[in-house]
């Protein structure tokens, strides 16, 4: 009988040790995952971040498009997951430099002055047509020598960028979500939320500029997004000297990303 009790006790002890080791392993893996996420976003525990809100260009009054609101909510969730804090400011009230705090800047240059400043400073190879008049090039992206026109509701493009200024290790990144329409801004934030681990493995703490294509948003909303190309090099290089017009790119080989 004593031997049976001893075996039971030993079994309980072994089970307890196994459960403890499993809990420790899961906690370690979870903390490592969080640290990697914090490093990619530049958001250590209790750090501060800046979320720059654009305005809806379709209204005369200061307002934010509903798809941009959804984008802000998704970004706020990412910040919270990192154990950091977020300050929301409007695009005309963000009068400060970059690199001290992680910044998320939402909206194209037609609706966000802050985006205009960032693109002029860090993306000299990108031009966005913000002409309000209807036309085939309205909202088009020129990246280097290539032109990307949109077909509203069918094929639309958005730039997703992670940029850093300087080589200091403690410099915080700036994330840009520059879309041709508000729904593409949300598509880019959702793409980042779903793929940040893969992007962190590929780019580490370095800069990147990705061109994404939102497919048939009138039917699928911001959910169907394809990676068109990594355009970091042409986006960060001065525009080539104008020569013969480059035909617009409406169909380009792309890679589907969940």
Protein backbone atom coordinates (compact mmCIF):
# COMPACT_ATOMS: atom_id res chain seq x y z
CA UNK A 1 0.00 0.00 0.00
CA UNK A 2 2.81 2.36 0.87
CA UNK A 3 4.41 1.64 -2.49
CA UNK A 4 1.15 2.46 -4.28
CA UNK A 5 0.85 5.77 -2.45
CA UNK A 6 4.45 6.56 -3.29
CA UNK A 7 3.84 5.87 -6.97
CA UNK A 8 0.78 8.11 -6.92
CA UNK A 9 2.73 10.90 -5.25
CA UNK A 10 5.60 10.53 -7.71
CA UNK A 11 3.13 10.62 -10.58
CA UNK A 12 1.55 13.78 -9.25
CA UNK A 13 4.94 15.39 -8.79
CA UNK A 14 6.01 14.43 -12.32
CA UNK A 15 2.75 15.80 -13.72
CA UNK A 16 3.23 19.02 -11.78
CA UNK A 17 6.80 19.40 -13.02
CA UNK A 18 5.71 18.70 -16.59
CA UNK A 19 2.90 21.25 -16.39
CA UNK A 20 5.28 23.83 -14.92
CA UNK A 21 7.87 23.25 -17.63
CA UNK A 22 5.18 23.50 -20.30
CA UNK A 23 3.91 26.77 -18.81
CA UNK A 24 7.46 28.16 -18.65
CA UNK A 25 8.12 27.16 -22.27
CA UNK A 26 4.87 28.70 -23.50
CA UNK A 27 5.55 31.89 -21.54
CA UNK A 28 9.06 32.12 -22.96
CA UNK A 29 7.85 31.64 -26.53
CA UNK A 30 5.06 34.19 -26.02
CA UNK A 31 7.47 36.75 -24.57
CA UNK A 32 9.94 36.18 -27.41
CA UNK A 33 7.15 36.69 -29.94
CA UNK A 34 6.13 39.93 -28.22
CA UNK A 35 9.75 41.17 -28.11
CA UNK A 36 10.14 40.54 -31.84
CA UNK A 37 6.90 42.39 -32.51
CA UNK A 38 8.03 45.28 -30.30
CA UNK A 39 11.38 45.44 -32.10
CA UNK A 40 9.76 45.52 -35.53
CA UNK A 41 7.33 48.27 -34.61
CA UNK A 42 9.79 50.13 -32.39
CA UNK A 43 7.40 49.87 -29.46
CA UNK A 44 9.01 48.66 -26.23
CA UNK A 45 6.90 48.38 -23.07
CA UNK A 46 5.18 51.63 -22.06
CA UNK A 47 6.64 53.54 -24.99
CA UNK A 48 4.74 56.29 -26.79
CA UNK A 49 3.64 56.25 -30.42
CA UNK A 50 1.99 58.73 -32.74
CA UNK A 51 -0.99 58.00 -34.96
CA UNK A 52 -1.48 60.72 -37.58
CA UNK A 53 -5.05 60.94 -38.85
CA UNK A 54 -5.85 62.29 -42.29
CA UNK A 55 -9.02 64.08 -43.33
CA UNK A 56 -11.76 63.06 -45.71
CA UNK A 57 -11.17 65.15 -48.87
CA UNK A 58 -14.78 64.62 -49.96
CA UNK A 59 -16.14 66.84 -47.18
CA UNK A 60 -15.66 70.52 -46.46
CA UNK A 61 -15.74 69.99 -42.69
CA UNK A 62 -12.89 68.26 -40.84
CA UNK A 63 -13.82 64.58 -40.88
CA UNK A 64 -12.25 61.14 -41.18
CA UNK A 65 -13.50 58.59 -43.69
CA UNK A 66 -14.99 55.49 -42.11
CA UNK A 67 -12.45 53.18 -43.74
CA UNK A 68 -9.66 55.31 -42.29
CA UNK A 69 -11.33 54.99 -38.88
CA UNK A 70 -11.22 51.21 -39.28
CA UNK A 71 -7.53 51.49 -40.18
CA UNK A 72 -6.86 53.52 -37.04
CA UNK A 73 -8.61 50.90 -34.91
CA UNK A 74 -6.45 48.12 -36.34
CA UNK A 75 -3.28 50.12 -35.72
CA UNK A 76 -4.37 50.91 -32.17
CA UNK A 77 -4.77 47.17 -31.54
CA UNK A 78 -1.21 46.54 -32.76
CA UNK A 79 0.13 49.20 -30.42
CA UNK A 80 -1.80 47.76 -27.49
CA UNK A 81 -0.47 44.26 -28.21
CA UNK A 82 3.05 45.66 -27.83
CA UNK A 83 2.25 47.13 -24.42
CA UNK A 84 2.72 50.67 -25.71
CA UNK A 85 0.60 53.83 -25.76
CA UNK A 86 -0.75 55.80 -28.70
CA UNK A 87 -1.45 59.50 -29.17
CA UNK A 88 -3.82 60.40 -31.99
CA UNK A 89 -3.25 63.72 -33.76
CA UNK A 90 -4.71 65.25 -36.91
CA UNK A 91 -2.59 65.68 -40.01
CA UNK A 92 -2.40 69.46 -39.59
CA UNK A 93 -1.42 69.32 -35.90
CA UNK A 94 1.60 66.98 -36.08
CA UNK A 95 4.31 69.62 -35.81
CA UNK A 96 7.30 67.53 -34.75
CA UNK A 97 10.17 65.56 -36.17
CA UNK A 98 10.40 61.83 -36.57
CA UNK A 99 12.58 59.15 -35.03
CA UNK A 100 11.83 59.83 -31.38
CA UNK A 101 8.52 57.94 -31.38
CA UNK A 102 7.08 55.32 -33.68
CA UNK A 103 4.66 56.98 -36.05
CA UNK A 104 1.80 55.58 -38.10
CA UNK A 105 0.75 57.99 -40.85
CA UNK A 106 -2.49 57.19 -42.69
CA UNK A 107 -3.71 58.69 -45.96
CA UNK A 108 -2.34 59.94 -49.27
CA UNK A 109 -0.80 63.36 -49.88
CA UNK A 110 -4.15 64.76 -51.00
CA UNK A 111 -5.60 64.33 -47.50
CA UNK A 112 -2.56 64.31 -45.20
CA UNK A 113 0.03 67.11 -45.02
CA UNK A 114 2.22 64.96 -42.83
CA UNK A 115 2.36 62.35 -45.61
CA UNK A 116 3.47 65.06 -48.04
CA UNK A 117 6.39 65.93 -45.75
CA UNK A 118 7.43 62.30 -45.25
CA UNK A 119 7.32 61.53 -48.96
CA UNK A 120 9.36 64.62 -49.84
CA UNK A 121 11.99 63.72 -47.24
CA UNK A 122 12.20 59.95 -47.62
CA UNK A 123 10.46 58.89 -50.86
CA UNK A 124 11.79 61.21 -53.59
CA UNK A 125 11.03 58.64 -56.28
CA UNK A 126 7.27 58.63 -55.67
CA UNK A 127 4.72 61.02 -57.10
CA UNK A 128 0.96 60.88 -56.52
CA UNK A 129 -1.51 62.65 -58.79
CA UNK A 130 -3.81 64.59 -56.44
CA UNK A 131 -5.62 66.52 -59.17
CA UNK A 132 -9.30 66.63 -58.08
CA UNK A 133 -10.51 66.79 -61.68
CA UNK A 134 -11.70 63.48 -63.17
CA UNK A 135 -9.30 61.82 -65.57
CA UNK A 136 -7.45 58.56 -66.24
CA UNK A 137 -4.46 59.64 -64.13
CA UNK A 138 -6.39 60.85 -61.13
CA UNK A 139 -4.86 59.27 -58.03
CA UNK A 140 -2.19 57.51 -60.10
CA UNK A 141 1.16 56.55 -58.55
CA UNK A 142 4.41 57.20 -60.36
CA UNK A 143 7.20 55.15 -58.79
CA UNK A 144 10.47 55.64 -60.58
CA UNK A 145 9.66 55.22 -64.26
CA UNK A 146 6.45 53.22 -63.71
CA UNK A 147 2.90 54.55 -63.60
CA UNK A 148 0.11 52.79 -61.70
CA UNK A 149 -3.42 53.92 -62.48
CA UNK A 150 -6.43 52.89 -60.47
CA UNK A 151 -9.81 51.59 -61.53
CA UNK A 152 -12.04 52.56 -58.59
CA UNK A 153 -13.54 49.51 -56.98
CA UNK A 154 -11.67 47.14 -59.31
CA UNK A 155 -7.92 47.70 -59.08
CA UNK A 156 -6.43 50.13 -56.59
CA UNK A 157 -2.94 50.58 -55.19
CA UNK A 158 -1.48 51.49 -51.83
CA UNK A 159 2.06 51.98 -50.56
CA UNK A 160 3.03 50.35 -47.28
CA UNK A 161 6.37 51.61 -45.98
CA UNK A 162 8.52 51.21 -42.91
CA UNK A 163 11.15 53.96 -42.86
CA UNK A 164 13.85 55.00 -40.44
CA UNK A 165 15.95 58.16 -40.34
CA UNK A 166 19.62 57.76 -39.48
CA UNK A 167 21.52 54.76 -38.20
CA UNK A 168 20.93 55.12 -34.47
CA UNK A 169 19.66 51.90 -32.95
CA UNK A 170 17.11 53.70 -30.81
CA UNK A 171 15.59 55.55 -33.78
CA UNK A 172 11.90 54.75 -34.06
CA UNK A 173 10.37 53.87 -37.45
CA UNK A 174 7.69 55.69 -39.41
CA UNK A 175 5.00 53.53 -41.02
CA UNK A 176 3.24 55.01 -44.04
CA UNK A 177 -0.11 53.87 -45.43
CA UNK A 178 -0.50 55.87 -48.63
CA UNK A 179 -3.46 54.66 -50.66
CA UNK A 180 -5.35 55.83 -53.70
CA UNK A 181 -8.63 55.56 -51.74
CA UNK A 182 -9.53 55.29 -48.07
CA UNK A 183 -10.38 51.60 -48.35
CA UNK A 184 -6.85 50.89 -49.57
CA UNK A 185 -5.43 52.50 -46.41
CA UNK A 186 -7.38 50.00 -44.35
CA UNK A 187 -6.23 47.20 -46.65
CA UNK A 188 -2.59 48.15 -45.99
CA UNK A 189 -3.04 48.23 -42.20
CA UNK A 190 -4.73 44.84 -42.32
CA UNK A 191 -1.93 43.47 -44.51
CA UNK A 192 0.62 44.72 -41.98
CA UNK A 193 -1.27 43.18 -39.06
CA UNK A 194 -1.42 39.81 -40.82
CA UNK A 195 2.12 39.75 -42.22
CA UNK A 196 4.31 41.66 -39.74
CA UNK A 197 6.10 38.49 -38.61
CA UNK A 198 7.08 37.60 -42.18
CA UNK A 199 8.11 41.19 -42.88
CA UNK A 200 10.21 41.26 -39.71
CA UNK A 201 12.02 38.09 -40.76
CA UNK A 202 12.73 39.50 -44.21
CA UNK A 203 13.61 43.12 -43.42
CA UNK A 204 14.50 43.09 -39.73
CA UNK A 205 14.71 46.67 -38.47
CA UNK A 206 15.47 48.07 -41.93
CA UNK A 207 13.38 50.20 -44.26
CA UNK A 208 11.10 48.87 -46.96
CA UNK A 209 8.48 50.19 -49.37
CA UNK A 210 5.91 47.75 -50.71
CA UNK A 211 3.38 48.35 -53.47
CA UNK A 212 0.14 46.51 -52.77
CA UNK A 213 -2.85 46.01 -55.03
CA UNK A 214 -6.37 45.88 -53.62
CA UNK A 215 -8.51 43.68 -55.84
CA UNK A 216 -12.24 44.25 -56.41
CA UNK A 217 -12.83 46.28 -53.26
CA UNK A 218 -16.42 46.93 -54.30
CA UNK A 219 -17.11 43.25 -53.70
CA UNK A 220 -14.43 42.12 -51.23
CA UNK A 221 -13.70 45.31 -49.32
CA UNK A 222 -10.12 45.54 -47.97
CA UNK A 223 -9.60 41.77 -47.67
CA UNK A 224 -8.13 40.75 -51.04
CA UNK A 225 -4.65 42.26 -51.23
CA UNK A 226 -1.78 41.26 -53.50
CA UNK A 227 1.87 42.19 -53.22
CA UNK A 228 2.84 43.77 -56.52
CA UNK A 229 6.50 44.53 -55.82
CA UNK A 230 9.12 45.67 -53.37
CA UNK A 231 9.73 49.21 -54.66
CA UNK A 232 12.15 50.34 -51.96
CA UNK A 233 14.98 51.18 -54.34
CA UNK A 234 13.05 53.25 -56.94
CA UNK A 235 10.94 54.91 -54.23
CA UNK A 236 14.01 56.11 -52.35
CA UNK A 237 15.92 57.18 -55.46
CA UNK A 238 15.39 60.50 -57.29
CA UNK A 239 12.96 60.36 -60.17
CA UNK A 240 14.60 59.67 -63.54
CA UNK A 241 14.96 62.49 -66.03
CA UNK A 242 11.74 62.70 -68.08
CA UNK A 243 12.07 61.29 -71.58
CA UNK A 244 9.44 59.31 -73.44
CA UNK A 245 6.20 58.65 -71.53
CA UNK A 246 6.05 55.31 -69.78
CA UNK A 247 2.87 53.33 -70.48
CA UNK A 248 0.70 52.87 -67.39
CA UNK A 249 0.85 49.56 -65.57
CA UNK A 250 -2.59 48.15 -65.01
CA UNK A 251 -1.70 44.48 -64.96
CA UNK A 252 1.53 43.42 -63.38
CA UNK A 253 2.64 40.07 -62.13
CA UNK A 254 1.87 39.91 -58.44
CA UNK A 255 1.95 37.54 -55.51
CA UNK A 256 -1.15 36.74 -53.51
CA UNK A 257 -0.82 37.34 -49.78
CA UNK A 258 -3.34 36.23 -47.22
